[in-house]
Protein backbone atom coordinates (compact mmCIF):
# COMPACT_ATOMS: atom_id res chain seq x y z
CA MET A 1 16.76 -28.25 37.42
CA LYS A 2 16.79 -25.60 40.19
CA LYS A 3 20.43 -26.23 39.97
CA ARG A 4 20.19 -25.74 36.43
CA THR A 5 17.81 -22.53 36.51
CA THR A 6 19.72 -21.07 38.94
CA ARG A 7 23.05 -21.20 36.77
CA LEU A 8 21.20 -19.86 33.81
CA LEU A 9 20.06 -16.94 35.38
CA VAL A 10 23.60 -15.88 37.32
CA THR A 11 24.97 -16.64 33.61
CA LEU A 12 22.46 -13.88 31.92
CA THR A 13 22.65 -11.88 34.04
CA CYS A 14 26.33 -11.27 33.82
CA LEU A 15 26.33 -12.09 30.02
CA LEU A 16 26.90 -8.42 27.81
CA PRO A 17 24.58 -7.66 25.00
CA LEU A 18 26.16 -10.16 22.66
CA ILE A 19 23.27 -12.86 25.18
CA MET A 20 20.58 -11.20 22.85
CA GLY A 21 21.97 -12.38 19.79
CA ALA A 22 21.09 -10.09 16.38
CA PHE A 23 19.65 -8.01 20.30
CA GLY A 24 21.73 -7.04 22.86
CA PHE A 25 21.03 -4.21 25.37
CA GLY A 26 22.23 -1.26 27.18
CA ASN A 27 21.15 2.42 28.30
CA THR A 28 22.26 5.59 29.36
CA THR A 29 19.39 6.28 31.96
CA TYR A 30 18.93 2.97 34.51
CA ALA A 31 16.36 2.64 37.44
CA ALA A 32 17.46 -0.66 39.21
CA GLU A 33 14.62 0.19 41.82
CA SER A 34 12.07 -0.33 39.76
CA GLU A 35 10.30 -3.71 38.62
CA THR A 36 9.06 -2.59 35.70
CA VAL A 37 10.56 -2.13 32.28
CA ASP A 38 10.52 0.32 29.28
CA VAL A 39 10.12 -1.06 25.53
CA THR A 40 10.73 1.09 22.30
CA LEU A 41 10.67 -0.96 19.15
CA HIS A 42 12.35 0.93 16.40
CA LYS A 43 10.46 0.31 12.60
CA LYS A 44 12.83 1.60 10.01
CA LYS A 45 12.55 1.44 6.12
CA MET A 46 14.97 -0.74 5.26
CA ASP A 47 15.48 -2.66 1.49
CA GLN A 48 18.25 -4.81 2.29
CA PHE A 49 19.62 -5.21 6.03
CA PRO A 50 23.35 -3.67 6.89
CA THR A 51 25.66 -5.88 4.92
CA THR A 52 27.77 -6.38 8.60
CA THR A 53 25.31 -7.34 11.75
CA ILE A 54 24.59 -4.43 14.13
CA GLN A 55 24.08 -5.58 17.65
CA ASN A 56 21.30 -3.66 19.62
CA THR A 57 23.04 -2.71 22.95
CA GLY A 58 19.37 -1.27 24.27
CA ASP A 59 20.43 2.12 23.99
CA LEU A 60 19.15 5.12 21.00
CA MET A 61 21.60 3.73 18.24
CA SER A 62 22.84 6.68 15.90
CA GLU A 63 23.46 3.82 13.32
CA PHE A 64 19.72 3.86 12.31
CA ASP A 65 19.15 7.88 12.30
CA ARG A 66 19.00 7.92 8.30
CA TYR A 67 16.13 5.59 7.92
CA GLU A 68 13.01 6.97 7.67
CA GLY A 69 10.74 5.27 10.51
CA LEU A 70 8.35 2.92 9.61
CA PRO A 71 4.08 3.80 10.83
CA GLY A 72 1.33 1.17 11.30
CA VAL A 73 3.04 -1.62 11.69
CA LYS A 74 1.38 -3.55 14.62
CA PHE A 75 3.67 -5.84 17.23
CA ASP A 76 1.87 -8.63 19.42
CA VAL A 77 3.91 -9.23 22.68
CA TRP A 78 3.78 -12.39 24.90
CA GLU A 79 5.05 -13.54 28.34
CA VAL A 80 6.94 -17.08 27.18
CA SER A 81 8.96 -17.48 30.24
CA ALA A 82 7.77 -20.90 31.10
CA ASP A 83 7.69 -22.17 27.29
CA PHE A 84 10.96 -20.94 26.83
CA TYR A 85 12.62 -22.69 29.60
CA GLN A 86 11.68 -25.91 28.84
CA GLN A 87 12.30 -25.80 25.44
CA LEU A 88 15.80 -24.56 26.30
CA ASN A 89 16.06 -27.78 28.86
CA LYS A 90 15.73 -29.97 26.21
CA ILE A 91 18.03 -28.61 24.05
CA ILE A 92 21.14 -28.07 26.78
CA LYS A 93 23.11 -30.81 28.91
CA GLN A 94 22.77 -31.06 32.85
CA ASP A 95 26.43 -30.51 33.16
CA ALA A 96 27.02 -27.81 30.79
CA SER A 97 29.29 -25.23 30.54
CA ASP A 98 28.37 -22.06 30.88
CA ALA A 99 29.45 -20.76 27.63
CA GLU A 100 27.43 -23.74 26.34
CA TYR A 101 24.70 -22.45 27.88
CA GLN A 102 25.38 -19.02 26.62
CA LYS A 103 25.50 -21.04 22.76
CA ALA A 104 21.96 -22.61 23.38
CA VAL A 105 20.62 -19.19 24.46
CA LYS A 106 21.97 -17.24 21.43
CA ASP A 107 20.68 -20.49 19.64
CA LEU A 108 17.03 -20.32 20.71
CA MET A 109 16.62 -17.20 20.59
CA SER A 110 17.15 -17.31 16.99
CA THR A 111 14.77 -20.04 16.77
CA TYR A 112 12.61 -19.74 18.90
CA LYS A 113 8.48 -20.83 18.05
CA LEU A 114 6.27 -20.15 20.66
CA SER A 115 4.71 -23.38 21.13
CA GLU A 116 0.68 -23.87 20.61
CA ASN A 117 -0.93 -22.65 23.76
CA ALA A 118 1.66 -21.17 25.27
CA GLY A 119 2.82 -17.95 26.68
CA THR A 120 0.26 -15.23 27.60
CA PHE A 121 -0.76 -12.48 25.86
CA VAL A 122 -0.01 -8.84 27.08
CA GLU A 123 -1.40 -6.43 24.66
CA THR A 124 -0.97 -5.00 20.86
CA GLY A 125 1.05 -1.85 20.16
CA GLU A 126 1.56 -0.14 16.55
CA THR A 127 4.14 2.31 15.61
CA ASP A 128 4.06 5.86 15.41
CA GLU A 129 4.76 8.37 12.33
CA ASN A 130 7.99 8.47 13.66
CA GLY A 131 7.92 4.10 13.48
CA GLU A 132 7.96 3.78 16.97
CA ALA A 133 5.61 1.34 19.81
CA LYS A 134 6.48 1.89 22.74
CA PHE A 135 5.37 -0.55 25.66
CA GLU A 136 5.74 1.07 29.16
CA GLY A 137 5.08 -0.56 32.18
CA LEU A 138 6.32 -4.33 31.30
CA LYS A 139 7.09 -5.96 34.45
CA LYS A 140 9.88 -8.01 35.04
CA ARG A 141 9.34 -11.15 37.48
CA ASN A 142 7.56 -13.89 37.25
CA THR A 143 5.86 -14.56 40.71
CA ASP A 144 8.49 -16.96 41.83
CA GLY A 145 11.12 -14.08 41.08
CA THR A 146 12.28 -15.36 38.37
CA TYR A 147 13.18 -12.93 35.20
CA LYS A 148 10.80 -12.55 32.11
CA ILE A 149 11.16 -13.33 28.98
CA TYR A 150 8.75 -11.01 26.30
CA LEU A 151 8.49 -11.68 22.69
CA PHE A 152 7.17 -9.36 20.26
CA VAL A 153 5.85 -10.92 17.30
CA GLU A 154 4.92 -7.78 14.28
CA GLU A 155 1.59 -8.50 12.47
CA ALA A 156 2.06 -9.21 8.40
CA ALA A 157 1.00 -6.55 6.19
CA GLU A 158 1.11 -5.32 2.37
CA GLY A 159 4.49 -3.57 1.42
CA ARG A 160 6.65 -4.76 3.99
CA GLU A 161 8.27 -8.36 4.56
CA THR A 162 7.67 -9.72 8.07
CA ILE A 163 10.72 -11.70 8.72
CA SER A 164 10.97 -15.02 10.34
CA ALA A 165 13.75 -14.44 13.30
CA PRO A 166 11.81 -14.02 16.76
CA LEU A 167 12.74 -10.50 18.72
CA ILE A 168 13.39 -12.00 21.57
CA LEU A 169 13.80 -10.23 25.45
CA ILE A 170 15.19 -11.37 27.86
CA LEU A 171 15.32 -9.74 31.52
CA PRO A 172 17.14 -8.32 33.21
CA VAL A 173 19.00 -6.42 30.20
CA MET A 174 22.47 -5.31 31.65
CA ASN A 175 24.83 -2.70 29.82
CA SER A 176 29.05 -3.08 30.04
CA GLU A 177 28.96 -1.78 33.70
CA GLY A 178 26.84 -3.97 35.10
CA LYS A 179 24.09 -1.44 35.74
CA GLU A 180 20.47 -3.01 35.20
CA ASN A 181 18.66 -0.82 31.93
CA THR A 182 14.92 -0.36 32.41
CA ASP A 183 14.38 1.85 29.58
CA ILE A 184 15.37 -0.78 26.32
CA HIS A 185 15.93 0.33 22.73
CA LEU A 186 15.15 -2.63 19.76
CA TYR A 187 15.21 -2.53 16.72
CA PRO A 188 13.36 -4.84 15.07
CA LYS A 189 14.99 -6.31 11.89
CA ASN A 190 12.59 -4.67 8.50
CA LYS A 191 12.31 -5.01 4.60
CA ILE A 192 10.53 -2.93 2.71
CA LYS A 193 9.27 -4.46 -0.55
CA THR A 194 10.01 -3.29 -3.85
CA GLU A 195 7.13 -1.68 -5.46
CA ILE A 196 5.92 -1.17 -8.75
CA SER A 197 3.15 -0.56 -10.53
CA LYS A 198 1.99 0.35 -14.33
CA GLU A 199 -1.53 2.02 -15.70
CA LEU A 200 -2.69 2.69 -18.95
CA LEU A 201 -3.86 6.16 -18.90
CA ASP A 202 -7.39 7.66 -20.30
CA ASP A 203 -7.43 11.41 -22.29
CA ALA A 204 -7.84 13.01 -18.82
CA GLY A 205 -4.98 10.92 -17.24
CA ASN A 206 -6.98 8.99 -15.39
CA PRO A 207 -6.02 5.04 -15.16
CA VAL A 208 -7.89 3.13 -17.32
CA THR A 209 -9.29 -0.46 -15.00
CA ASN A 210 -10.75 -2.31 -18.35
CA ASP A 211 -10.44 -5.86 -17.86
CA SER A 212 -10.61 -5.92 -21.72
CA ALA A 213 -7.82 -4.87 -24.37
CA VAL A 214 -8.75 -1.09 -24.89
CA ASP A 215 -9.03 0.04 -28.78
CA TYR A 216 -7.33 2.41 -30.53
CA GLU A 217 -6.98 4.09 -34.04
CA ILE A 218 -3.01 3.92 -35.53
CA GLY A 219 -1.49 7.16 -35.01
CA LYS A 220 -3.20 7.99 -31.73
CA LYS A 221 -0.66 8.49 -28.66
CA ILE A 222 -1.57 6.10 -25.87
CA THR A 223 0.02 6.94 -22.66
CA TYR A 224 1.03 5.01 -19.97
CA ARG A 225 2.79 5.65 -16.51
CA VAL A 226 4.59 2.84 -14.37
CA GLY A 227 5.96 3.64 -11.14
CA PHE A 228 8.82 2.38 -9.24
CA THR A 229 9.89 2.95 -5.26
CA VAL A 230 13.50 4.09 -4.90
CA PRO A 231 15.35 1.97 -2.31
CA ASN A 232 15.43 3.29 1.49
CA GLN A 233 19.21 2.06 1.21
CA ILE A 234 20.07 4.18 -2.39
CA GLY A 235 22.71 6.69 -1.06
CA GLU A 236 24.22 4.21 1.29
CA LEU A 237 27.91 3.40 0.34
CA VAL A 238 29.76 0.48 1.67
CA THR A 239 33.42 -0.68 1.51
CA LYS A 240 34.41 -3.39 -0.48
CA ASP A 241 38.54 -4.26 -1.33
CA GLY A 242 39.02 -0.77 0.95
CA GLN A 243 37.30 1.25 -1.70
CA GLU A 244 33.68 2.51 -1.12
CA THR A 245 31.47 2.04 -3.57
CA PRO A 246 27.89 2.39 -3.88
CA ARG A 247 25.97 -0.14 -2.41
CA TYR A 248 23.42 -0.54 -5.27
CA THR A 249 25.11 -1.51 -8.19
CA ALA A 250 22.81 -1.00 -10.79
CA LEU A 251 18.93 0.36 -11.47
CA ASN A 252 17.60 -0.49 -14.86
CA LEU A 253 13.99 0.08 -16.08
CA LYS A 254 13.08 -1.22 -18.92
CA ASP A 255 9.82 -1.01 -20.66
CA ALA A 256 8.29 -2.70 -23.91
CA VAL A 257 5.48 -3.94 -25.94
CA THR A 258 4.79 -7.59 -26.66
CA GLN A 259 4.09 -6.87 -30.33
CA THR A 260 6.31 -5.83 -33.49
CA GLY A 261 4.59 -2.47 -35.53
CA LEU A 262 4.27 0.08 -32.79
CA LYS A 263 6.16 3.40 -32.49
CA PHE A 264 7.39 4.92 -28.89
CA GLU A 265 6.32 8.64 -28.96
CA GLY A 266 8.80 9.17 -25.91
CA ILE A 267 8.82 10.02 -22.31
CA ASP A 268 6.76 12.81 -21.42
CA LYS A 269 7.52 13.66 -18.04
CA ILE A 270 9.25 12.11 -14.63
CA VAL A 271 7.81 12.87 -11.37
CA VAL A 272 8.05 12.23 -7.99
CA GLY A 273 4.76 10.97 -6.84
CA ALA A 274 1.68 11.49 -8.69
CA GLY A 275 0.38 14.16 -7.02
CA ASP A 276 3.63 16.37 -8.01
CA THR A 277 4.03 17.75 -11.38
CA THR A 278 7.86 19.47 -10.88
CA ASP A 279 9.63 17.35 -14.17
CA ILE A 280 12.29 15.80 -13.11
CA LYS A 281 12.71 14.29 -16.71
CA THR A 282 15.98 16.00 -17.35
CA ASP A 283 17.95 15.86 -14.61
CA PHE A 284 17.09 11.95 -13.67
CA LEU A 285 18.02 10.80 -17.81
CA SER A 286 21.24 12.72 -17.25
CA HIS A 287 22.28 10.22 -14.36
CA SER A 288 21.33 7.67 -16.48
CA THR A 289 22.06 5.44 -20.00
CA PRO A 290 18.33 5.45 -21.72
CA LYS A 291 17.57 3.39 -24.81
CA TYR A 292 14.61 3.65 -26.90
CA THR A 293 13.36 1.24 -29.38
CA ASN A 294 11.21 1.88 -32.45
CA ALA A 295 11.22 5.96 -31.83
CA ALA A 296 12.29 6.63 -35.61
CA ASP A 297 10.92 4.76 -39.03
CA ASP A 298 11.89 1.68 -38.15
CA PHE A 299 9.03 -0.37 -36.05
CA SER A 300 10.58 -3.67 -36.42
CA GLY A 301 11.40 -4.06 -32.69
CA TYR A 302 9.02 -4.01 -29.24
CA ALA A 303 8.35 -0.28 -28.59
CA GLY A 304 9.88 0.65 -25.46
CA PHE A 305 12.47 1.76 -23.16
CA GLU A 306 15.61 0.92 -21.26
CA ILE A 307 16.93 3.34 -18.80
CA LYS A 308 20.00 2.67 -16.87
CA MET A 309 21.76 4.48 -13.67
CA ASN A 310 24.67 5.55 -13.86
CA LEU A 311 25.82 2.75 -11.18
CA ASP A 312 28.16 0.70 -12.33
CA PRO A 313 31.20 0.61 -10.11
CA GLN A 314 33.19 0.55 -12.87
CA ASN A 315 32.96 4.14 -13.19
CA LEU A 316 33.50 4.80 -9.63
CA ASP A 317 33.27 8.01 -9.86
CA GLU A 318 30.31 8.80 -11.74
CA ALA A 319 28.45 5.25 -9.68
CA LYS A 320 28.82 7.74 -6.30
CA GLU A 321 27.50 11.20 -8.09
CA THR A 322 24.25 8.85 -9.33
CA ALA A 323 24.15 7.23 -6.17
CA ASP A 324 24.27 10.78 -4.17
CA TYR A 325 22.13 11.92 -6.67
CA LEU A 326 19.12 9.28 -6.56
CA LYS A 327 19.40 9.88 -2.67
CA GLN A 328 16.73 12.51 -2.65
CA TYR A 329 14.24 10.23 -3.52
CA ALA A 330 14.60 7.25 -1.19
CA GLY A 331 11.33 5.37 -0.57
CA LYS A 332 9.70 7.87 -2.38
CA THR A 333 8.10 6.66 -5.80
CA ILE A 334 8.77 8.01 -8.59
CA TYR A 335 6.22 7.64 -12.14
CA ILE A 336 7.43 7.91 -15.71
CA TYR A 337 4.87 8.78 -18.61
CA TYR A 338 5.39 8.08 -22.10
CA ALA A 339 3.39 7.17 -24.92
CA VAL A 340 3.11 4.30 -27.79
CA SER A 341 1.18 4.02 -30.68
CA PHE A 342 -0.20 1.69 -33.26
CA THR A 343 0.92 2.71 -37.08
CA GLY A 344 0.25 0.82 -40.19
CA GLU A 345 2.65 -1.66 -39.05
CA THR A 346 0.43 -2.75 -36.31
CA PRO A 347 -0.75 -6.49 -36.16
CA VAL A 348 -4.43 -5.42 -36.67
CA ASP A 349 -7.21 -7.69 -34.08
CA THR A 350 -4.39 -8.17 -31.88
CA SER A 351 -3.91 -7.51 -28.04
CA VAL A 352 -0.62 -5.80 -27.11
CA ASP A 353 0.56 -6.24 -23.52
CA ASN A 354 3.14 -4.06 -22.40
CA LYS A 355 5.60 -5.40 -19.43
CA PHE A 356 8.11 -3.29 -17.31
CA THR A 357 10.75 -4.49 -15.45
CA VAL A 358 13.23 -2.99 -12.33
CA GLU A 359 16.07 -4.71 -11.77
CA LEU A 360 18.38 -4.07 -8.51
CA GLY A 361 21.94 -4.49 -8.16
CA HIS A 362 23.37 -4.82 -5.41
CA ASP A 363 24.86 -6.89 -2.52
CA GLY A 364 26.56 -8.73 -5.32
CA GLN A 365 23.18 -10.49 -6.39
CA THR A 366 20.25 -8.75 -8.42
CA ASP A 367 16.75 -8.19 -7.49
CA LYS A 368 14.00 -8.19 -10.56
CA LYS A 369 10.74 -7.02 -10.75
CA GLU A 370 8.18 -6.72 -13.55
CA THR A 371 4.63 -6.48 -13.87
CA ASP A 372 1.91 -5.93 -17.04
CA ASP A 373 -1.07 -4.58 -15.17
CA ALA A 374 -2.20 -2.29 -17.36
CA PRO A 375 -4.95 -3.48 -20.05
CA ALA A 376 -3.68 -4.80 -23.79
CA ILE A 377 -4.17 -2.34 -26.54
CA ILE A 378 -5.80 -3.54 -29.76
CA THR A 379 -6.76 -1.96 -33.00
CA GLY A 380 -9.50 -3.33 -35.28
CA GLY A 381 -10.08 -3.26 -38.98
CA LYS A 382 -12.81 -4.89 -41.55
CA LYS A 383 -12.40 -7.03 -44.49
CA PHE A 384 -15.11 -6.66 -47.07
CA PHE A 385 -16.26 -8.97 -50.39
CA LYS A 386 -17.28 -7.44 -53.67
CA HIS A 387 -19.27 -9.39 -55.86
CA GLU A 388 -21.91 -9.75 -58.48
CA ALA A 389 -25.36 -10.16 -56.47
CA GLY A 390 -26.86 -14.30 -57.63
CA LYS A 391 -23.19 -14.80 -58.30
CA ALA A 392 -21.29 -15.28 -54.59
CA THR A 393 -18.18 -16.35 -56.12
CA GLN A 394 -18.20 -13.88 -59.08
CA ALA A 395 -15.20 -11.42 -57.52
CA LEU A 396 -15.89 -7.57 -59.15
CA LYS A 397 -12.45 -5.35 -59.90
CA GLY A 398 -12.39 -1.74 -59.63
CA ALA A 399 -15.36 -0.94 -56.98
CA GLU A 400 -14.08 2.18 -54.79
CA PHE A 401 -15.30 3.06 -51.69
CA GLN A 402 -14.99 6.19 -48.91
CA VAL A 403 -15.77 4.95 -45.28
CA TYR A 404 -17.11 7.71 -43.07
CA LYS A 405 -18.65 7.85 -39.57
CA VAL A 406 -21.71 10.07 -38.17
CA VAL A 407 -20.57 12.17 -34.97
CA GLU A 408 -23.66 14.48 -33.94
CA ASP A 409 -25.29 14.12 -37.39
CA LYS A 410 -22.46 15.22 -38.84
CA LYS A 411 -20.36 12.90 -41.76
CA LEU A 412 -16.75 12.64 -41.19
CA TYR A 413 -14.48 11.37 -44.10
CA LEU A 414 -11.60 8.78 -43.00
CA LYS A 415 -8.23 10.31 -44.39
CA GLN A 416 -5.76 7.68 -43.60
CA GLY A 417 -2.20 7.82 -43.98
CA ALA A 418 0.53 5.04 -43.58
CA ASN A 419 1.03 5.44 -39.95
CA THR A 420 -1.96 8.23 -38.56
CA ILE A 421 -5.69 8.59 -39.46
CA SER A 422 -7.41 11.64 -39.64
CA TRP A 423 -11.16 12.33 -40.55
CA THR A 424 -12.86 15.21 -42.87
CA GLU A 425 -15.80 17.16 -44.15
CA ASN A 426 -14.66 17.70 -47.41
CA GLN A 427 -15.63 13.78 -49.32
CA GLU A 428 -13.03 15.44 -51.67
CA GLU A 429 -9.98 14.99 -49.06
CA ALA A 430 -11.33 11.42 -48.16
CA THR A 431 -9.02 7.80 -48.91
CA ILE A 432 -10.48 5.38 -51.75
CA TYR A 433 -10.36 2.42 -51.35
CA THR A 434 -10.23 0.02 -54.37
CA SER A 435 -11.54 -4.06 -54.40
CA ASP A 436 -8.69 -6.14 -56.50
CA ASN A 437 -8.39 -8.83 -58.36
CA THR A 438 -10.15 -10.88 -56.25
CA GLY A 439 -13.03 -8.52 -55.29
CA ARG A 440 -11.54 -7.79 -51.99
CA LEU A 441 -10.36 -4.95 -49.53
CA GLN A 442 -9.93 -4.33 -46.47
CA VAL A 443 -10.09 -0.98 -43.57
CA THR A 444 -7.53 -0.76 -41.20
CA GLY A 445 -6.45 0.58 -37.70
CA LEU A 446 -9.53 1.79 -36.79
CA SER A 447 -11.03 2.06 -33.09
CA PHE A 448 -14.02 0.03 -32.19
CA GLY A 449 -17.65 1.61 -33.46
CA THR A 450 -19.98 1.88 -35.77
CA TYR A 451 -18.95 2.82 -40.02
CA TYR A 452 -20.04 3.30 -43.45
CA LEU A 453 -19.01 2.46 -46.37
CA GLN A 454 -20.04 4.66 -49.19
CA GLU A 455 -19.94 2.96 -52.82
CA THR A 456 -18.36 6.03 -55.45
CA LYS A 457 -17.36 4.39 -58.36
CA ALA A 458 -19.28 0.59 -59.46
CA PRO A 459 -17.34 -1.59 -61.61
CA ASN A 460 -17.79 -0.97 -65.52
CA GLY A 461 -21.68 -2.13 -66.34
CA PHE A 462 -22.43 -2.64 -62.93
CA GLN A 463 -24.85 -0.04 -60.90
CA LEU A 464 -23.88 1.57 -58.25
CA LEU A 465 -25.34 0.90 -54.50
CA GLU A 466 -27.51 2.70 -53.72
CA LYS A 467 -27.51 2.77 -49.54
CA ASP A 468 -24.05 3.04 -47.93
CA GLN A 469 -22.89 -0.36 -46.46
CA GLU A 470 -23.44 0.40 -42.08
CA PHE A 471 -20.23 -2.15 -40.62
CA GLU A 472 -19.20 -2.78 -36.97
CA ILE A 473 -15.71 -2.82 -36.06
CA LYS A 474 -15.00 -4.80 -32.89
CA GLU A 475 -12.80 -7.62 -31.46
CA GLY A 476 -12.48 -10.40 -33.78
CA SER A 477 -14.30 -8.35 -36.85
CA PHE A 478 -11.10 -8.39 -39.24
CA ASN A 479 -11.50 -12.33 -38.94
CA VAL A 480 -12.49 -13.25 -42.69
CA ALA A 481 -14.97 -15.55 -40.98
CA ASN A 482 -16.72 -12.00 -40.49
CA GLN A 483 -15.87 -10.06 -43.96
CA LEU A 484 -18.55 -8.50 -45.43
CA SER A 485 -20.19 -9.09 -48.99
CA ILE A 486 -21.07 -6.21 -50.52
CA VAL A 487 -23.47 -7.24 -53.92
CA ASN A 488 -23.70 -4.95 -56.86
CA VAL A 489 -26.27 -5.35 -59.79
CA SER A 490 -25.49 -5.15 -63.28
CA LYS A 491 -27.22 -2.52 -65.89
CA GLY A 492 -28.47 -5.45 -68.50
CA GLY A 493 -26.56 -6.63 -71.50
CA PHE A 494 -27.14 -4.86 -75.18
CA LEU A 495 -28.24 -6.98 -78.09
CA PRO A 496 -27.30 -5.76 -82.00
CA SER A 497 -29.56 -3.94 -84.01
CA THR A 498 -30.83 -6.13 -87.42
CA GLY A 499 -33.18 -3.18 -88.28
CA GLY A 500 -35.18 -0.34 -87.89
CA THR A 501 -37.05 2.69 -89.67
CA GLY A 502 -33.76 3.86 -91.12
CA ILE A 503 -34.11 1.00 -93.75
CA ILE A 504 -37.31 1.83 -95.58
CA ALA A 505 -35.78 4.02 -97.09
CA PHE A 506 -33.42 2.78 -98.80
CA LEU A 507 -35.55 -0.12 -99.64
CA ALA A 508 -38.03 2.12 -101.20
CA ILE A 509 -35.53 3.66 -103.21
CA GLY A 510 -34.18 0.37 -103.99
CA LEU A 511 -37.58 -0.68 -105.32
CA ALA A 512 -38.74 2.57 -107.04
CA MET A 513 -35.13 2.25 -109.21
CA MET A 514 -36.14 -1.74 -110.11
CA LEU A 515 -39.88 -1.02 -110.72
CA GLY A 516 -38.06 2.04 -112.80
CA ALA A 517 -35.63 -0.21 -114.70
CA PHE A 518 -38.54 -2.87 -115.19
CA ILE A 519 -41.37 -0.23 -116.72
CA ARG A 520 -38.48 0.80 -118.94
CA TYR A 521 -37.01 -2.80 -119.79
CA ARG A 522 -40.87 -3.34 -121.35
CA ARG A 523 -41.48 -0.98 -123.50
CA ILE A 524 -38.39 -1.46 -125.08
CA GLN A 525 -39.62 -5.02 -125.29
CA GLN A 526 -43.39 -3.18 -126.83
CA ALA A 527 -41.35 -1.09 -129.39
CA VAL A 528 -39.05 -4.10 -130.96
CA ASN A 529 -42.50 -5.90 -131.66
């Protein structure tokens, strides 16, 4: 055992930085006489790993300068010498060659997991605003004179992916000249999650946090804000088939509602960061191929947009130009403000969701993220049935109504167009709704609330309603089971006249004529006799 350990230490001491597997070492400042080492971890904002393996050297590495530092990342440091050697001895043969030892060490470094209750906790460090976590004065040797092995464990956090590959440091670290490095710089693997978001905004521009669907009337602009983090490596060029090409070959943004019949009102603005007011819409869209659905009078599709950034390597010059343009926004969040509206073709009393999708093409693969976190939207309506009082199945055709609501003690009458709604104090401008052959009429495209139905003309032979009918529009109110009955009372029937004072005169005259004729007849008879 002692022979094998000694042999391993000799091998490790003579190895170049490659012995560290993914993490090799070296430095320009050395202090071989020191019994401690200083270690600086450089955490960088990266969306994807480098296309080729970058070997840690232990020195500051300019290859990572183009990436921003990632602050607030915590690392726990463990001393794991005994556990590491114990696991190593289980996988290496007693008579293994130096090359086999080297391979075994590198393999274990890439798969090592700290055994339960093994290792000694040393300290916790956190990356600063530059993404650097410094651990100073780490001891080099164990009490038996052997060199220590340290494990750096990254704590998980929201917004980034914690890499499963362990970060192992085996001392001593030697450079290519065989000199010891005691000021060691390491670049842990790192991957930032691409974040996307979707919010429904109120009239003041604040996010709506309703759990239930939010109601709107037709024609009202419904504003959304979607956000996505631009990949940190969006401007990288990689060599493919001997030619430089953008690493990211696609950045596609797509948004669409889940029901037909809505109108896409357009993109209002595009900004960088939620608090920025600088509109980059024109420049941003000039580096893309935008497409809009339901932006005109045809509402048969699913209202929304699709923006494809011009990163297709088939048009290499354009792709490079677009990648270079997007590079200025690397790691930043871009917000797109846009609006849709309900139309006369929108399904009534039906919740409408909205899905935002981001597709990223890179390194021969496609990543897709989507969200529909924003509250659903809905428009309401009400159905009415006009029938005769006391006869629930006797429909009445031809009754005319107007709809109004009361705002600050004022009656505002509904004026409805094909895809718009407005409110007026002038009753003459109000829309008239008429009951059909089945006695039915309906009002659609309204936001939730209390309204009134005012009858302006009753069916022939029926009395006009004395009191306006109050009704409420809410979720489910458009259902047939919730239709509201409007009852009309008949004015009463009329019979034809069979007499009256007008006939007495005719009877008197007739009787007088008959009496005169009778008297004359009698006189004639007497004269004959």
